[in-house]
Protein backbone atom coordinates (compact mmCIF):
# COMPACT_ATOMS: atom_id res chain seq x y z
CA MET A 1 97.41 81.21 81.67
CA ASP A 2 96.48 77.74 82.82
CA LYS A 3 93.58 76.81 85.09
CA ALA A 4 95.79 76.28 88.13
CA ARG A 5 97.17 79.81 87.92
CA ILE A 6 93.70 81.30 87.51
CA SER A 7 92.49 79.30 90.52
CA GLY A 8 95.47 80.56 92.53
CA LEU A 9 94.68 84.15 91.60
CA LEU A 10 91.05 83.68 92.56
CA ALA A 11 92.06 82.15 95.89
CA SER A 12 94.36 85.11 96.56
CA PHE A 13 91.65 87.58 95.59
CA PHE A 14 89.03 85.97 97.82
CA THR A 15 91.53 85.73 100.67
CA LEU A 16 92.25 89.45 100.36
CA ILE A 17 88.53 90.25 100.27
CA GLY A 18 88.00 88.06 103.33
CA LEU A 19 90.84 89.72 105.24
CA ILE A 20 89.48 93.17 104.42
CA ALA A 21 85.97 92.16 105.46
CA LEU A 22 87.26 90.59 108.67
CA LEU A 23 89.22 93.66 109.68
CA SER A 24 86.61 96.22 108.58
CA THR A 25 83.32 94.66 109.60
CA GLY A 26 81.37 97.04 111.78
CA SER A 27 83.21 100.05 110.45
CA HIS A 28 81.23 103.22 109.83
CA PHE A 29 83.23 103.92 106.65
CA PRO A 30 81.83 103.24 103.16
CA VAL A 31 82.84 99.96 101.53
CA TYR A 32 85.27 101.59 99.09
CA GLN A 33 87.36 102.79 102.07
CA TRP A 34 87.51 99.37 103.75
CA PRO A 35 90.87 98.28 102.24
CA TYR A 36 92.61 101.39 103.55
CA GLU A 37 90.88 101.10 106.92
CA ALA A 38 91.76 97.41 107.25
CA PHE A 39 95.43 98.04 106.51
CA GLN A 40 95.58 100.98 108.89
CA GLY A 41 93.87 98.87 111.57
CA LEU A 42 96.49 96.17 111.14
CA VAL A 43 99.27 98.74 111.40
CA PHE A 44 97.67 100.26 114.49
CA ALA A 45 97.32 96.85 116.14
CA LEU A 46 101.00 96.14 115.62
CA ALA A 47 102.13 99.59 116.73
CA TRP A 48 99.95 99.84 119.79
CA GLY A 49 99.58 96.21 120.78
CA PHE A 50 103.14 95.03 120.28
CA GLY A 51 104.90 98.37 120.68
CA PHE A 52 106.50 98.37 117.22
CA SER A 53 107.54 101.67 115.71
CA VAL A 54 105.30 103.06 112.98
CA GLY A 55 107.74 102.26 110.16
CA ILE A 56 108.26 98.70 111.36
CA SER A 57 104.49 98.28 111.73
CA TYR A 58 103.93 99.27 108.10
CA LEU A 59 106.67 96.90 106.97
CA VAL A 60 105.40 93.97 109.03
CA SER A 61 101.80 94.59 107.89
CA THR A 62 102.84 94.69 104.25
CA VAL A 63 104.88 91.50 104.58
CA PHE A 64 102.02 89.80 106.43
CA VAL A 65 99.48 90.65 103.71
CA LEU A 66 101.86 89.61 100.93
CA LEU A 67 102.68 86.31 102.64
CA LEU A 68 99.00 85.62 103.15
CA LEU A 69 98.32 86.23 99.46
CA ILE A 70 101.25 84.06 98.38
CA ILE A 71 100.13 81.21 100.62
CA ALA A 72 96.56 81.51 99.30
CA PHE A 73 97.86 81.47 95.71
CA ILE A 74 99.92 78.35 96.33
CA ALA A 75 97.04 76.60 98.10
CA GLY A 76 94.55 77.51 95.37
CA SER A 77 96.94 76.36 92.69
CA LYS A 78 97.62 73.03 94.41
CA VAL A 79 93.94 72.34 95.04
CA SER A 80 93.13 73.13 91.43
CA ARG A 81 95.82 70.77 90.17
CA CYS A 82 94.54 67.99 92.43
CA VAL A 83 90.90 68.46 91.45
CA LEU A 84 91.40 68.96 87.72
CA LYS A 85 93.78 66.02 87.16
């Protein structure tokens, strides 16, 4: 694995941690339950706020999180290539 790929993975990881912290801050749940709570909060926001069905809300939430991680990976990889060359 090259340095750009490792940097992309780290960027994706820190983006995921940041998203979980953003959506779960102030929660009364223990930290190990924050990922589940954050995802369920995102699903709830889509279902209640936009009126999506539950199945569509899960699908849209999953696609949103995956797209966010892919974009963070690409950005981290590009920044690493620019800085290290």
